[in-house]
């Protein structure tokens, strides 16, 4: 059920408190900063390879870039540039690898994060 400020799904204060509790550890912050971008690159590569519509990876990268800029102008711009670089790298990899090899490369990548 979607409810407002009484502890439901849309209670932003509760969600931000939960996020802050688990993302204040410096090691956790470092791990997120290190591994979020390869996961994002893998997701964009999969969008290139299995595109539900033309340029879906570019649209996804643009949406994430705009979202990061809306959160904070300075660091969001850096994140948007990283989104653009991930999109360019995924475009080059998709063109180089093709569907068959690209899917074999990207399939186990999220699994490696948890090993």
PDB file of N, CA and C in Angstrom:
ATOM      1  N   UNK A   1       0.844  -1.171   0.000  1.00  0.00           N
ATOM      2  CA  UNK A   1       0.000   0.000   0.000  1.00  0.00           C
ATOM      3  C   UNK A   1       0.892   1.237   0.000  1.00  0.00           C
ATOM      4  N   UNK A   2       0.524   2.219  -0.779  1.00  0.00           N
ATOM      5  CA  UNK A   2       1.290   3.461  -0.858  1.00  0.00           C
ATOM      6  C   UNK A   2       0.650   4.472   0.079  1.00  0.00           C
ATOM      7  N   UNK A   3       1.439   4.883   1.070  1.00  0.00           N
ATOM      8  CA  UNK A   3       0.939   5.845   2.043  1.00  0.00           C
ATOM      9  C   UNK A   3       1.924   6.981   2.186  1.00  0.00           C
ATOM     10  N   UNK A   4       1.521   8.021   2.814  1.00  0.00           N
ATOM     11  CA  UNK A   4       2.354   9.199   3.000  1.00  0.00           C
ATOM     12  C   UNK A   4       3.272   9.119   4.192  1.00  0.00           C
ATOM     13  N   UNK A   5       3.215  10.102   5.075  1.00  0.00           N
ATOM     14  CA  UNK A   5       4.174  10.293   6.141  1.00  0.00           C
ATOM     15  C   UNK A   5       4.036   9.397   7.355  1.00  0.00           C
ATOM     16  N   UNK A   6       3.237   8.346   7.301  1.00  0.00           N
ATOM     17  CA  UNK A   6       3.070   7.502   8.477  1.00  0.00           C
ATOM     18  C   UNK A   6       3.882   6.209   8.375  1.00  0.00           C
ATOM     19  N   UNK A   7       5.048   6.282   7.749  1.00  0.00           N
ATOM     20  CA  UNK A   7       5.917   5.114   7.681  1.00  0.00           C
ATOM     21  C   UNK A   7       5.692   4.257   6.462  1.00  0.00           C
ATOM     22  N   UNK A   8       4.928   4.748   5.507  1.00  0.00           N
ATOM     23  CA  UNK A   8       4.649   3.966   4.314  1.00  0.00           C
ATOM     24  C   UNK A   8       5.757   4.044   3.282  1.00  0.00           C
ATOM     25  N   UNK A   9       5.416   3.614   2.097  1.00  0.00           N
ATOM     26  CA  UNK A   9       6.374   3.534   1.002  1.00  0.00           C
ATOM     27  C   UNK A   9       6.919   4.899   0.599  1.00  0.00           C
ATOM     28  N   UNK A  10       6.123   5.943   0.711  1.00  0.00           N
ATOM     29  CA  UNK A  10       6.548   7.271   0.274  1.00  0.00           C
ATOM     30  C   UNK A  10       7.056   8.150   1.409  1.00  0.00           C
ATOM     31  N   UNK A  11       7.383   7.566   2.543  1.00  0.00           N
ATOM     32  CA  UNK A  11       7.915   8.325   3.670  1.00  0.00           C
ATOM     33  C   UNK A  11       9.402   8.599   3.410  1.00  0.00           C
ATOM     34  N   UNK A  12       9.693   9.756   2.835  1.00  0.00           N
ATOM     35  CA  UNK A  12      11.057  10.077   2.429  1.00  0.00           C
ATOM     36  C   UNK A  12      11.996  10.224   3.620  1.00  0.00           C
ATOM     37  N   UNK A  13      11.509  10.744   4.723  1.00  0.00           N
ATOM     38  CA  UNK A  13      12.367  10.877   5.907  1.00  0.00           C
ATOM     39  C   UNK A  13      12.882   9.518   6.361  1.00  0.00           C
ATOM     40  N   UNK A  14      12.018   8.552   6.381  1.00  0.00           N
ATOM     41  CA  UNK A  14      12.406   7.202   6.798  1.00  0.00           C
ATOM     42  C   UNK A  14      13.406   6.602   5.813  1.00  0.00           C
ATOM     43  N   UNK A  15      13.178   6.802   4.513  1.00  0.00           N
ATOM     44  CA  UNK A  15      14.088   6.269   3.502  1.00  0.00           C
ATOM     45  C   UNK A  15      15.460   6.935   3.572  1.00  0.00           C
ATOM     46  N   UNK A  16      15.490   8.248   3.768  1.00  0.00           N
ATOM     47  CA  UNK A  16      16.770   8.946   3.871  1.00  0.00           C
ATOM     48  C   UNK A  16      17.516   8.542   5.144  1.00  0.00           C
ATOM     49  N   UNK A  17      16.788   8.325   6.236  1.00  0.00           N
ATOM     50  CA  UNK A  17      17.432   7.878   7.472  1.00  0.00           C
ATOM     51  C   UNK A  17      18.028   6.485   7.288  1.00  0.00           C
ATOM     52  N   UNK A  18      17.308   5.603   6.633  1.00  0.00           N
ATOM     53  CA  UNK A  18      17.807   4.262   6.352  1.00  0.00           C
ATOM     54  C   UNK A  18      19.046   4.328   5.456  1.00  0.00           C
ATOM     55  N   UNK A  19      18.986   5.137   4.397  1.00  0.00           N
ATOM     56  CA  UNK A  19      20.114   5.281   3.478  1.00  0.00           C
ATOM     57  C   UNK A  19      21.334   5.840   4.207  1.00  0.00           C
ATOM     58  N   UNK A  20      21.130   6.865   5.032  1.00  0.00           N
ATOM     59  CA  UNK A  20      22.236   7.469   5.774  1.00  0.00           C
ATOM     60  C   UNK A  20      22.867   6.519   6.770  1.00  0.00           C
ATOM     61  N   UNK A  21      22.051   5.653   7.365  1.00  0.00           N
ATOM     62  CA  UNK A  21      22.574   4.700   8.343  1.00  0.00           C
ATOM     63  C   UNK A  21      23.514   3.692   7.697  1.00  0.00           C
ATOM     64  N   UNK A  22      23.234   3.304   6.474  1.00  0.00           N
ATOM     65  CA  UNK A  22      24.040   2.275   5.823  1.00  0.00           C
ATOM     66  C   UNK A  22      25.104   2.837   4.894  1.00  0.00           C
ATOM     67  N   UNK A  23      25.081   4.131   4.619  1.00  0.00           N
ATOM     68  CA  UNK A  23      26.054   4.715   3.699  1.00  0.00           C
ATOM     69  C   UNK A  23      26.921   5.777   4.367  1.00  0.00           C
ATOM     70  N   UNK A  24      27.123   5.666   5.648  1.00  0.00           N
ATOM     71  CA  UNK A  24      28.010   6.597   6.340  1.00  0.00           C
ATOM     72  C   UNK A  24      29.365   5.970   6.653  1.00  0.00           C
ATOM     73  N   UNK A  25      29.468   4.670   6.532  1.00  0.00           N
ATOM     74  CA  UNK A  25      30.730   3.978   6.742  1.00  0.00           C
ATOM     75  C   UNK A  25      31.669   4.288   5.574  1.00  0.00           C
ATOM     76  N   UNK A  26      32.893   4.784   5.821  1.00  0.00           N
ATOM     77  CA  UNK A  26      33.803   5.162   4.736  1.00  0.00           C
ATOM     78  C   UNK A  26      34.152   4.009   3.799  1.00  0.00           C
ATOM     79  N   UNK A  27      34.251   2.798   4.330  1.00  0.00           N
ATOM     80  CA  UNK A  27      34.553   1.648   3.473  1.00  0.00           C
ATOM     81  C   UNK A  27      33.382   1.379   2.536  1.00  0.00           C
ATOM     82  N   UNK A  28      32.165   1.462   3.050  1.00  0.00           N
ATOM     83  CA  UNK A  28      30.975   1.260   2.243  1.00  0.00           C
ATOM     84  C   UNK A  28      30.868   2.335   1.160  1.00  0.00           C
ATOM     85  N   UNK A  29      31.150   3.574   1.508  1.00  0.00           N
ATOM     86  CA  UNK A  29      31.116   4.672   0.529  1.00  0.00           C
ATOM     87  C   UNK A  29      32.151   4.429  -0.566  1.00  0.00           C
ATOM     88  N   UNK A  30      33.361   3.981  -0.187  1.00  0.00           N
ATOM     89  CA  UNK A  30      34.409   3.697  -1.171  1.00  0.00           C
ATOM     90  C   UNK A  30      33.993   2.566  -2.104  1.00  0.00           C
ATOM     91  N   UNK A  31      33.420   1.511  -1.542  1.00  0.00           N
ATOM     92  CA  UNK A  31      32.989   0.370  -2.361  1.00  0.00           C
ATOM     93  C   UNK A  31      31.908   0.803  -3.340  1.00  0.00           C
ATOM     94  N   UNK A  32      30.963   1.627  -2.883  1.00  0.00           N
ATOM     95  CA  UNK A  32      29.926   2.125  -3.784  1.00  0.00           C
ATOM     96  C   UNK A  32      30.528   2.984  -4.889  1.00  0.00           C
ATOM     97  N   UNK A  33      31.433   3.875  -4.535  1.00  0.00           N
ATOM     98  CA  UNK A  33      32.043   4.749  -5.539  1.00  0.00           C
ATOM     99  C   UNK A  33      32.838   3.941  -6.555  1.00  0.00           C
ATOM    100  N   UNK A  34      33.427   2.847  -6.130  1.00  0.00           N
ATOM    101  CA  UNK A  34      34.251   2.034  -7.017  1.00  0.00           C
ATOM    102  C   UNK A  34      33.417   1.127  -7.922  1.00  0.00           C
ATOM    103  N   UNK A  35      32.350   0.534  -7.394  1.00  0.00           N
ATOM    104  CA  UNK A  35      31.637  -0.494  -8.143  1.00  0.00           C
ATOM    105  C   UNK A  35      30.339  -0.050  -8.797  1.00  0.00           C
ATOM    106  N   UNK A  36      29.808   1.104  -8.474  1.00  0.00           N
ATOM    107  CA  UNK A  36      28.569   1.539  -9.103  1.00  0.00           C
ATOM    108  C   UNK A  36      28.775   1.785 -10.598  1.00  0.00           C
ATOM    109  N   UNK A  37      29.895   2.375 -10.963  1.00  0.00           N
ATOM    110  CA  UNK A  37      30.101   2.727 -12.378  1.00  0.00           C
ATOM    111  C   UNK A  37      30.308   1.515 -13.269  1.00  0.00           C
ATOM    112  N   UNK A  38      31.043   0.484 -12.861  1.00  0.00           N
ATOM    113  CA  UNK A  38      31.087  -0.717 -13.708  1.00  0.00           C
ATOM    114  C   UNK A  38      29.728  -1.404 -13.852  1.00  0.00           C
ATOM    115  N   UNK A  39      28.923  -1.389 -12.795  1.00  0.00           N
ATOM    116  CA  UNK A  39      27.585  -1.966 -12.887  1.00  0.00           C
ATOM    117  C   UNK A  39      26.733  -1.149 -13.852  1.00  0.00           C
ATOM    118  N   UNK A  40      26.847   0.175 -13.783  1.00  0.00           N
ATOM    119  CA  UNK A  40      26.108   1.050 -14.695  1.00  0.00           C
ATOM    120  C   UNK A  40      26.556   0.808 -16.138  1.00  0.00           C
ATOM    121  N   UNK A  41      27.867   0.667 -16.350  1.00  0.00           N
ATOM    122  CA  UNK A  41      28.405   0.375 -17.679  1.00  0.00           C
ATOM    123  C   UNK A  41      27.843  -0.943 -18.198  1.00  0.00           C
ATOM    124  N   UNK A  42      27.790  -1.953 -17.349  1.00  0.00           N
ATOM    125  CA  UNK A  42      27.242  -3.251 -17.740  1.00  0.00           C
ATOM    126  C   UNK A  42      25.769  -3.135 -18.112  1.00  0.00           C
ATOM    127  N   UNK A  43      25.014  -2.369 -17.340  1.00  0.00           N
ATOM    128  CA  UNK A  43      23.593  -2.185 -17.645  1.00  0.00           C
ATOM    129  C   UNK A  43      23.415  -1.482 -18.989  1.00  0.00           C
ATOM    130  N   UNK A  44      24.225  -0.466 -19.252  1.00  0.00           N
ATOM    131  CA  UNK A  44      24.129   0.227 -20.541  1.00  0.00           C
ATOM    132  C   UNK A  44      24.543  -0.686 -21.685  1.00  0.00           C
ATOM    133  N   UNK A  45      25.559  -1.522 -21.465  1.00  0.00           N
ATOM    134  CA  UNK A  45      25.972  -2.468 -22.501  1.00  0.00           C
ATOM    135  C   UNK A  45      24.846  -3.440 -22.808  1.00  0.00           C
ATOM    136  N   UNK A  46      24.166  -3.922 -21.770  1.00  0.00           N
ATOM    137  CA  UNK A  46      23.022  -4.802 -22.009  1.00  0.00           C
ATOM    138  C   UNK A  46      21.910  -4.082 -22.758  1.00  0.00           C
ATOM    139  N   UNK A  47      21.704  -2.801 -22.472  1.00  0.00           N
ATOM    140  CA  UNK A  47      20.706  -2.036 -23.226  1.00  0.00           C
ATOM    141  C   UNK A  47      21.119  -1.877 -24.686  1.00  0.00           C
ATOM    142  N   UNK A  48      22.399  -1.694 -24.940  1.00  0.00           N
ATOM    143  CA  UNK A  48      22.871  -1.625 -26.320  1.00  0.00           C
ATOM    144  C   UNK A  48      22.613  -2.944 -27.048  1.00  0.00           C
ATOM    145  N   UNK A  49      22.850  -4.047 -26.364  1.00  0.00           N
ATOM    146  CA  UNK A  49      22.755  -5.348 -27.005  1.00  0.00           C
ATOM    147  C   UNK A  49      21.325  -5.833 -27.167  1.00  0.00           C
ATOM    148  N   UNK A  50      20.458  -5.493 -26.238  1.00  0.00           N
ATOM    149  CA  UNK A  50      19.071  -5.968 -26.266  1.00  0.00           C
ATOM    150  C   UNK A  50      18.094  -4.806 -26.295  1.00  0.00           C
ATOM    151  N   UNK A  51      18.416  -3.788 -27.030  1.00  0.00           N
ATOM    152  CA  UNK A  51      17.674  -2.525 -27.007  1.00  0.00           C
ATOM    153  C   UNK A  51      16.181  -2.721 -27.257  1.00  0.00           C
ATOM    154  N   UNK A  52      15.358  -2.342 -26.271  1.00  0.00           N
ATOM    155  CA  UNK A  52      13.911  -2.387 -26.495  1.00  0.00           C
ATOM    156  C   UNK A  52      13.473  -1.323 -27.507  1.00  0.00           C
ATOM    157  N   UNK A  53      14.242  -0.258 -27.636  1.00  0.00           N
ATOM    158  CA  UNK A  53      14.016   0.737 -28.682  1.00  0.00           C
ATOM    159  C   UNK A  53      15.354   1.374 -29.016  1.00  0.00           C
ATOM    160  N   UNK A  54      15.435   2.009 -30.148  1.00  0.00           N
ATOM    161  CA  UNK A  54      16.680   2.604 -30.621  1.00  0.00           C
ATOM    162  C   UNK A  54      17.176   3.662 -29.641  1.00  0.00           C
ATOM    163  N   UNK A  55      18.423   3.662 -29.335  1.00  0.00           N
ATOM    164  CA  UNK A  55      19.089   4.613 -28.441  1.00  0.00           C
ATOM    165  C   UNK A  55      18.594   4.530 -27.001  1.00  0.00           C
ATOM    166  N   UNK A  56      18.143   3.364 -26.580  1.00  0.00           N
ATOM    167  CA  UNK A  56      17.655   3.228 -25.203  1.00  0.00           C
ATOM    168  C   UNK A  56      18.775   3.421 -24.187  1.00  0.00           C
ATOM    169  N   UNK A  57      19.995   3.023 -24.513  1.00  0.00           N
ATOM    170  CA  UNK A  57      21.115   3.221 -23.588  1.00  0.00           C
ATOM    171  C   UNK A  57      21.425   4.704 -23.433  1.00  0.00           C
ATOM    172  N   UNK A  58      21.363   5.458 -24.518  1.00  0.00           N
ATOM    173  CA  UNK A  58      21.611   6.901 -24.452  1.00  0.00           C
ATOM    174  C   UNK A  58      20.526   7.594 -23.627  1.00  0.00           C
ATOM    175  N   UNK A  59      19.294   7.172 -23.799  1.00  0.00           N
ATOM    176  CA  UNK A  59      18.194   7.754 -23.024  1.00  0.00           C
ATOM    177  C   UNK A  59      18.367   7.441 -21.541  1.00  0.00           C
ATOM    178  N   UNK A  60      18.734   6.195 -21.227  1.00  0.00           N
ATOM    179  CA  UNK A  60      18.963   5.819 -19.835  1.00  0.00           C
ATOM    180  C   UNK A  60      20.095   6.610 -19.205  1.00  0.00           C
ATOM    181  N   UNK A  61      21.201   6.771 -19.938  1.00  0.00           N
ATOM    182  CA  UNK A  61      22.332   7.544 -19.416  1.00  0.00           C
ATOM    183  C   UNK A  61      21.942   9.006 -19.229  1.00  0.00           C
ATOM    184  N   UNK A  62      21.167   9.556 -20.153  1.00  0.00           N
ATOM    185  CA  UNK A  62      20.744  10.954 -20.043  1.00  0.00           C
ATOM    186  C   UNK A  62      19.815  11.163 -18.847  1.00  0.00           C
ATOM    187  N   UNK A  63      18.931  10.207 -18.614  1.00  0.00           N
ATOM    188  CA  UNK A  63      18.013  10.318 -17.470  1.00  0.00           C
ATOM    189  C   UNK A  63      18.794  10.278 -16.156  1.00  0.00           C
ATOM    190  N   UNK A  64      19.725   9.337 -16.041  1.00  0.00           N
ATOM    191  CA  UNK A  64      20.539   9.270 -14.828  1.00  0.00           C
ATOM    192  C   UNK A  64      21.393  10.526 -14.667  1.00  0.00           C
ATOM    193  N   UNK A  65      21.992  11.009 -15.759  1.00  0.00           N
ATOM    194  CA  UNK A  65      22.799  12.227 -15.686  1.00  0.00           C
ATOM    195  C   UNK A  65      21.985  13.420 -15.221  1.00  0.00           C
ATOM    196  N   UNK A  66      20.786  13.570 -15.785  1.00  0.00           N
ATOM    197  CA  UNK A  66      19.916  14.676 -15.372  1.00  0.00           C
ATOM    198  C   UNK A  66      19.492  14.534 -13.912  1.00  0.00           C
ATOM    199  N   UNK A  67      19.225  13.306 -13.489  1.00  0.00           N
ATOM    200  CA  UNK A  67      18.857  13.073 -12.100  1.00  0.00           C
ATOM    201  C   UNK A  67      19.987  13.476 -11.164  1.00  0.00           C
ATOM    202  N   UNK A  68      21.218  13.084 -11.481  1.00  0.00           N
ATOM    203  CA  UNK A  68      22.350  13.439 -10.636  1.00  0.00           C
ATOM    204  C   UNK A  68      22.555  14.955 -10.589  1.00  0.00           C
ATOM    205  N   UNK A  69      22.396  15.637 -11.711  1.00  0.00           N
ATOM    206  CA  UNK A  69      22.533  17.097 -11.725  1.00  0.00           C
ATOM    207  C   UNK A  69      21.440  17.741 -10.883  1.00  0.00           C
ATOM    208  N   UNK A  70      20.237  17.165 -10.912  1.00  0.00           N
ATOM    209  CA  UNK A  70      19.148  17.741 -10.111  1.00  0.00           C
ATOM    210  C   UNK A  70      19.401  17.578  -8.614  1.00  0.00           C
ATOM    211  N   UNK A  71      20.162  16.547  -8.229  1.00  0.00           N
ATOM    212  CA  UNK A  71      20.470  16.359  -6.815  1.00  0.00           C
ATOM    213  C   UNK A  71      21.492  17.367  -6.314  1.00  0.00           C
ATOM    214  N   UNK A  72      22.542  17.581  -7.089  1.00  0.00           N
ATOM    215  CA  UNK A  72      23.592  18.522  -6.708  1.00  0.00           C
ATOM    216  C   UNK A  72      24.304  18.964  -7.979  1.00  0.00           C
ATOM    217  N   UNK A  73      24.407  20.265  -8.177  1.00  0.00           N
ATOM    218  CA  UNK A  73      24.933  20.772  -9.433  1.00  0.00           C
ATOM    219  C   UNK A  73      26.401  20.387  -9.651  1.00  0.00           C
ATOM    220  N   UNK A  74      27.251  20.561  -8.659  1.00  0.00           N
ATOM    221  CA  UNK A  74      28.685  20.333  -8.855  1.00  0.00           C
ATOM    222  C   UNK A  74      29.016  18.845  -8.966  1.00  0.00           C
ATOM    223  N   UNK A  75      28.695  18.074  -7.947  1.00  0.00           N
ATOM    224  CA  UNK A  75      29.018  16.649  -8.007  1.00  0.00           C
ATOM    225  C   UNK A  75      28.101  15.911  -8.981  1.00  0.00           C
ATOM    226  N   UNK A  76      26.901  16.429  -9.183  1.00  0.00           N
ATOM    227  CA  UNK A  76      25.994  15.840 -10.161  1.00  0.00           C
ATOM    228  C   UNK A  76      26.502  15.982 -11.580  1.00  0.00           C
ATOM    229  N   UNK A  77      27.187  17.110 -11.857  1.00  0.00           N
ATOM    230  CA  UNK A  77      27.775  17.294 -13.181  1.00  0.00           C
ATOM    231  C   UNK A  77      28.888  16.278 -13.403  1.00  0.00           C
ATOM    232  N   UNK A  78      29.687  16.027 -12.382  1.00  0.00           N
ATOM    233  CA  UNK A  78      30.717  14.998 -12.486  1.00  0.00           C
ATOM    234  C   UNK A  78      30.084  13.631 -12.737  1.00  0.00           C
ATOM    235  N   UNK A  79      29.033  13.312 -12.009  1.00  0.00           N
ATOM    236  CA  UNK A  79      28.347  12.031 -12.203  1.00  0.00           C
ATOM    237  C   UNK A  79      27.726  11.954 -13.597  1.00  0.00           C
ATOM    238  N   UNK A  80      27.189  13.072 -14.096  1.00  0.00           N
ATOM    239  CA  UNK A  80      26.619  13.089 -15.445  1.00  0.00           C
ATOM    240  C   UNK A  80      27.697  12.850 -16.494  1.00  0.00           C
ATOM    241  N   UNK A  81      28.882  13.408 -16.283  1.00  0.00           N
ATOM    242  CA  UNK A  81      30.000  13.156 -17.201  1.00  0.00           C
ATOM    243  C   UNK A  81      30.388  11.681 -17.154  1.00  0.00           C
ATOM    244  N   UNK A  82      30.399  11.090 -15.963  1.00  0.00           N
ATOM    245  CA  UNK A  82      30.684   9.663 -15.848  1.00  0.00           C
ATOM    246  C   UNK A  82      29.609   8.818 -16.537  1.00  0.00           C
ATOM    247  N   UNK A  83      28.354   9.251 -16.462  1.00  0.00           N
ATOM    248  CA  UNK A  83      27.276   8.570 -17.185  1.00  0.00           C
ATOM    249  C   UNK A  83      27.524   8.633 -18.692  1.00  0.00           C
ATOM    250  N   UNK A  84      27.934   9.799 -19.162  1.00  0.00           N
ATOM    251  CA  UNK A  84      28.237   9.963 -20.586  1.00  0.00           C
ATOM    252  C   UNK A  84      29.408   9.073 -21.004  1.00  0.00           C
ATOM    253  N   UNK A  85      30.451   9.016 -20.175  1.00  0.00           N
ATOM    254  CA  UNK A  85      31.601   8.162 -20.480  1.00  0.00           C
ATOM    255  C   UNK A  85      31.209   6.676 -20.464  1.00  0.00           C
ATOM    256  N   UNK A  86      30.374   6.285 -19.528  1.00  0.00           N
ATOM    257  CA  UNK A  86      29.896   4.901 -19.495  1.00  0.00           C
ATOM    258  C   UNK A  86      29.081   4.580 -20.739  1.00  0.00           C
ATOM    259  N   UNK A  87      28.261   5.531 -21.182  1.00  0.00           N
ATOM    260  CA  UNK A  87      27.483   5.316 -22.400  1.00  0.00           C
ATOM    261  C   UNK A  87      28.403   5.164 -23.609  1.00  0.00           C
ATOM    262  N   UNK A  88      29.416   6.030 -23.728  1.00  0.00           N
ATOM    263  CA  UNK A  88      30.339   5.956 -24.859  1.00  0.00           C
ATOM    264  C   UNK A  88      31.114   4.632 -24.836  1.00  0.00           C
ATOM    265  N   UNK A  89      31.560   4.213 -23.661  1.00  0.00           N
ATOM    266  CA  UNK A  89      32.288   2.948 -23.546  1.00  0.00           C
ATOM    267  C   UNK A  89      31.388   1.762 -23.880  1.00  0.00           C
ATOM    268  N   UNK A  90      30.140   1.800 -23.416  1.00  0.00           N
ATOM    269  CA  UNK A  90      29.224   0.697 -23.708  1.00  0.00           C
ATOM    270  C   UNK A  90      28.883   0.654 -25.193  1.00  0.00           C
ATOM    271  N   UNK A  91      28.796   1.809 -25.831  1.00  0.00           N
ATOM    272  CA  UNK A  91      28.546   1.862 -27.279  1.00  0.00           C
ATOM    273  C   UNK A  91      29.713   1.236 -28.036  1.00  0.00           C
ATOM    274  N   UNK A  92      30.938   1.597 -27.648  1.00  0.00           N
ATOM    275  CA  UNK A  92      32.120   1.045 -28.306  1.00  0.00           C
ATOM    276  C   UNK A  92      32.232  -0.463 -28.061  1.00  0.00           C
ATOM    277  N   UNK A  93      31.966  -0.897 -26.823  1.00  0.00           N
ATOM    278  CA  UNK A  93      32.036  -2.332 -26.518  1.00  0.00           C
ATOM    279  C   UNK A  93      30.964  -3.120 -27.265  1.00  0.00           C
ATOM    280  N   UNK A  94      29.765  -2.583 -27.348  1.00  0.00           N
ATOM    281  CA  UNK A  94      28.686  -3.279 -28.052  1.00  0.00           C
ATOM    282  C   UNK A  94      29.017  -3.416 -29.530  1.00  0.00           C
ATOM    283  N   UNK A  95      29.601  -2.376 -30.118  1.00  0.00           N
ATOM    284  CA  UNK A  95      29.977  -2.448 -31.523  1.00  0.00           C
ATOM    285  C   UNK A  95      31.116  -3.439 -31.740  1.00  0.00           C
ATOM    286  N   UNK A  96      32.025  -3.501 -30.807  1.00  0.00           N
ATOM    287  CA  UNK A  96      33.198  -4.378 -30.941  1.00  0.00           C
ATOM    288  C   UNK A  96      32.868  -5.843 -30.641  1.00  0.00           C
ATOM    289  N   UNK A  97      32.072  -6.085 -29.583  1.00  0.00           N
ATOM    290  CA  UNK A  97      31.818  -7.452 -29.152  1.00  0.00           C
ATOM    291  C   UNK A  97      30.676  -8.124 -29.899  1.00  0.00           C
ATOM    292  N   UNK A  98      29.648  -7.376 -30.222  1.00  0.00           N
ATOM    293  CA  UNK A  98      28.463  -7.975 -30.817  1.00  0.00           C
ATOM    294  C   UNK A  98      27.584  -8.616 -29.763  1.00  0.00           C
ATOM    295  N   UNK A  99      26.443  -9.137 -30.214  1.00  0.00           N
ATOM    296  CA  UNK A  99      25.447  -9.657 -29.278  1.00  0.00           C
ATOM    297  C   UNK A  99      25.933 -10.917 -28.562  1.00  0.00           C
ATOM    298  N   UNK A 100      26.430 -11.897 -29.306  1.00  0.00           N
ATOM    299  CA  UNK A 100      26.766 -13.195 -28.728  1.00  0.00           C
ATOM    300  C   UNK A 100      27.844 -13.086 -27.654  1.00  0.00           C
ATOM    301  N   UNK A 101      28.948 -12.455 -27.959  1.00  0.00           N
ATOM    302  CA  UNK A 101      30.034 -12.330 -26.988  1.00  0.00           C
ATOM    303  C   UNK A 101      29.675 -11.314 -25.907  1.00  0.00           C
ATOM    304  N   UNK A 102      29.009 -10.228 -26.274  1.00  0.00           N
ATOM    305  CA  UNK A 102      28.648  -9.196 -25.304  1.00  0.00           C
ATOM    306  C   UNK A 102      27.758  -9.712 -24.202  1.00  0.00           C
ATOM    307  N   UNK A 103      26.784 -10.547 -24.553  1.00  0.00           N
ATOM    308  CA  UNK A 103      25.905 -11.115 -23.521  1.00  0.00           C
ATOM    309  C   UNK A 103      26.654 -12.094 -22.630  1.00  0.00           C
ATOM    310  N   UNK A 104      27.612 -12.811 -23.188  1.00  0.00           N
ATOM    311  CA  UNK A 104      28.404 -13.736 -22.375  1.00  0.00           C
ATOM    312  C   UNK A 104      29.318 -12.985 -21.411  1.00  0.00           C
ATOM    313  N   UNK A 105      29.786 -11.826 -21.818  1.00  0.00           N
ATOM    314  CA  UNK A 105      30.665 -11.026 -20.962  1.00  0.00           C
ATOM    315  C   UNK A 105      29.873 -10.338 -19.861  1.00  0.00           C
ATOM    316  N   UNK A 106      28.716  -9.785 -20.190  1.00  0.00           N
ATOM    317  CA  UNK A 106      27.950  -9.009 -19.213  1.00  0.00           C
ATOM    318  C   UNK A 106      27.125  -9.878 -18.282  1.00  0.00           C
ATOM    319  N   UNK A 107      26.800 -11.091 -18.675  1.00  0.00           N
ATOM    320  CA  UNK A 107      25.929 -11.928 -17.857  1.00  0.00           C
ATOM    321  C   UNK A 107      26.493 -12.187 -16.462  1.00  0.00           C
ATOM    322  N   UNK A 108      27.751 -12.600 -16.304  1.00  0.00           N
ATOM    323  CA  UNK A 108      28.238 -12.873 -14.945  1.00  0.00           C
ATOM    324  C   UNK A 108      28.720 -11.642 -14.187  1.00  0.00           C
ATOM    325  N   UNK A 109      28.781 -10.470 -14.802  1.00  0.00           N
ATOM    326  CA  UNK A 109      29.360  -9.297 -14.132  1.00  0.00           C
ATOM    327  C   UNK A 109      28.675  -8.936 -12.819  1.00  0.00           C
ATOM    328  N   UNK A 110      27.347  -8.866 -12.751  1.00  0.00           N
ATOM    329  CA  UNK A 110      26.744  -8.568 -11.439  1.00  0.00           C
ATOM    330  C   UNK A 110      27.036  -9.654 -10.408  1.00  0.00           C
ATOM    331  N   UNK A 111      27.205 -10.893 -10.850  1.00  0.00           N
ATOM    332  CA  UNK A 111      27.527 -11.985  -9.920  1.00  0.00           C
ATOM    333  C   UNK A 111      28.905 -11.781  -9.300  1.00  0.00           C
ATOM    334  N   UNK A 112      29.886 -11.310 -10.082  1.00  0.00           N
ATOM    335  CA  UNK A 112      31.246 -11.121  -9.576  1.00  0.00           C
ATOM    336  C   UNK A 112      31.281 -10.131  -8.424  1.00  0.00           C
ATOM    337  N   UNK A 113      30.352  -9.218  -8.377  1.00  0.00           N
ATOM    338  CA  UNK A 113      30.328  -8.228  -7.315  1.00  0.00           C
ATOM    339  C   UNK A 113      30.105  -8.876  -5.959  1.00  0.00           C
ATOM    340  N   UNK A 114      29.378  -9.968  -5.923  1.00  0.00           N
ATOM    341  CA  UNK A 114      29.026 -10.591  -4.660  1.00  0.00           C
ATOM    342  C   UNK A 114      29.950 -11.734  -4.271  1.00  0.00           C
ATOM    343  N   UNK A 115      30.910 -12.067  -5.132  1.00  0.00           N
ATOM    344  CA  UNK A 115      31.831 -13.170  -4.835  1.00  0.00           C
ATOM    345  C   UNK A 115      32.944 -12.696  -3.939  1.00  0.00           C
TER     346      UNK A 115
END
